[in-house]
Amino acid sequence: MPSAWEILECAGVPFGTREGPPRLASPEKLAAAVREVLDASTLSERQRVSLLAWLRAWASAWPSSFESTFAGAAEEFLRRAAEGVDDHGRYLKLRRLAREQLARVL
């Protein structure tokens, strides 16, 4: 069974090298994976920047899809993922990559 982080990487979170096109899990699994990695408090700064870039790319380019996938937790996820992110140069690059990945599946 894939870990929460692996589910997010498969969904297009720009972190490391993933093989093949992105694949979105069900909305329930995606929301549970985001919540689990945010609750774990063990994300490295690089992971946090990657997750934030992916969430914000989805929220800005496909807002209704983002809202329906994450329902009432959408704003909470964005806020919590942004905590402690200081590398705006890396964030901007990763957001572009995340948008490209999401465009392939949304």
Protein backbone atom coordinates (compact mmCIF):
# COMPACT_ATOMS: atom_id res chain seq x y z
CA MET A 1 0.00 0.00 0.00
CA PRO A 2 1.49 3.36 -0.99
CA SER A 3 2.27 5.91 1.68
CA ALA A 4 0.47 9.24 1.80
CA TRP A 5 3.49 10.98 0.29
CA GLU A 6 3.68 8.41 -2.53
CA ILE A 7 0.00 9.01 -3.34
CA LEU A 8 0.73 12.73 -3.61
CA GLU A 9 3.81 12.22 -5.76
CA CYS A 10 1.79 10.00 -8.10
CA ALA A 11 -0.79 12.79 -8.29
CA GLY A 12 1.86 15.21 -9.53
CA VAL A 13 3.44 16.82 -6.46
CA PRO A 14 6.77 17.94 -7.98
CA PHE A 15 9.26 16.11 -5.80
CA GLY A 16 11.98 13.82 -7.02
CA THR A 17 11.60 11.70 -10.10
CA ARG A 18 8.35 9.95 -10.72
CA GLU A 19 7.93 7.57 -13.62
CA GLY A 20 5.02 7.86 -16.00
CA PRO A 21 2.17 10.33 -16.17
CA PRO A 22 0.50 11.60 -13.00
CA ARG A 23 -2.45 9.63 -11.63
CA LEU A 24 -5.01 11.11 -9.30
CA ALA A 25 -6.38 8.93 -6.55
CA SER A 26 -9.99 9.37 -5.51
CA PRO A 27 -10.83 12.70 -3.88
CA GLU A 28 -11.15 10.95 -0.54
CA LYS A 29 -7.69 9.39 -0.82
CA LEU A 30 -6.10 12.64 -1.97
CA ALA A 31 -7.64 14.62 0.89
CA ALA A 32 -6.63 11.92 3.39
CA ALA A 33 -3.07 11.90 2.02
CA VAL A 34 -2.74 15.69 2.28
CA ARG A 35 -4.13 15.68 5.80
CA GLU A 36 -1.84 12.83 6.84
CA VAL A 37 1.36 14.47 5.60
CA LEU A 38 0.39 17.82 7.14
CA ASP A 39 -0.53 16.19 10.44
CA ALA A 40 2.71 14.18 10.57
CA SER A 41 4.79 17.35 10.96
CA THR A 42 7.77 15.52 9.53
CA LEU A 43 7.83 17.21 6.14
CA SER A 44 11.15 18.59 5.07
CA GLU A 45 11.12 22.16 3.79
CA ARG A 46 11.55 20.81 0.28
CA GLN A 47 8.51 18.55 0.67
CA ARG A 48 6.47 21.39 2.14
CA VAL A 49 7.38 23.73 -0.77
CA SER A 50 6.49 20.98 -3.25
CA LEU A 51 3.15 20.29 -1.60
CA LEU A 52 2.30 24.00 -1.37
CA ALA A 53 3.21 24.54 -5.04
CA TRP A 54 0.97 21.65 -6.08
CA LEU A 55 -1.97 22.75 -3.95
CA ARG A 56 -1.75 26.38 -5.08
CA ALA A 57 -1.31 25.44 -8.74
CA TRP A 58 -4.46 23.32 -8.56
CA ALA A 59 -6.40 25.95 -6.61
CA SER A 60 -5.53 28.77 -9.00
CA ALA A 61 -5.85 26.97 -12.34
CA TRP A 62 -8.79 24.66 -11.56
CA PRO A 63 -10.58 26.23 -8.58
CA SER A 64 -13.86 24.32 -8.86
CA SER A 65 -12.03 20.99 -9.21
CA PHE A 66 -9.81 21.87 -6.25
CA GLU A 67 -12.79 22.85 -4.12
CA SER A 68 -14.78 19.74 -5.00
CA THR A 69 -11.79 17.45 -4.35
CA PHE A 70 -10.83 18.93 -0.99
CA ALA A 71 -14.26 20.26 0.01
CA GLY A 72 -14.27 22.06 3.35
CA ALA A 73 -10.56 21.41 3.95
CA ALA A 74 -9.27 23.28 0.87
CA GLU A 75 -8.41 26.56 2.60
CA GLU A 76 -7.05 24.77 5.66
CA PHE A 77 -4.71 22.70 3.48
CA LEU A 78 -3.43 25.81 1.68
CA ARG A 79 -2.85 27.64 4.96
CA ARG A 80 -1.13 24.74 6.70
CA ALA A 81 1.07 23.88 3.73
CA ALA A 82 2.29 27.50 3.57
CA GLU A 83 3.53 27.48 7.17
CA GLY A 84 7.31 27.76 7.20
CA VAL A 85 7.78 28.12 3.43
CA ASP A 86 10.44 30.75 2.82
CA ASP A 87 12.03 29.71 -0.49
CA HIS A 88 9.90 31.65 -2.97
CA GLY A 89 12.25 31.02 -5.90
CA ARG A 90 11.93 27.26 -5.51
CA TYR A 91 8.20 27.60 -4.90
CA LEU A 92 7.61 29.45 -8.19
CA LYS A 93 9.55 26.88 -10.21
CA LEU A 94 7.74 23.98 -8.54
CA ARG A 95 4.34 25.62 -9.02
CA ARG A 96 4.96 25.77 -12.76
CA LEU A 97 5.96 22.11 -12.78
CA ALA A 98 2.92 21.18 -10.67
CA ARG A 99 0.58 23.02 -13.05
CA GLU A 100 2.09 21.11 -16.00
CA GLN A 101 1.55 17.79 -14.20
CA LEU A 102 -2.00 18.63 -13.17
CA ALA A 103 -2.88 19.77 -16.70
CA ARG A 104 -2.22 16.21 -17.81
CA VAL A 105 -4.88 14.74 -15.51
CA LEU A 106 -7.46 17.46 -14.87
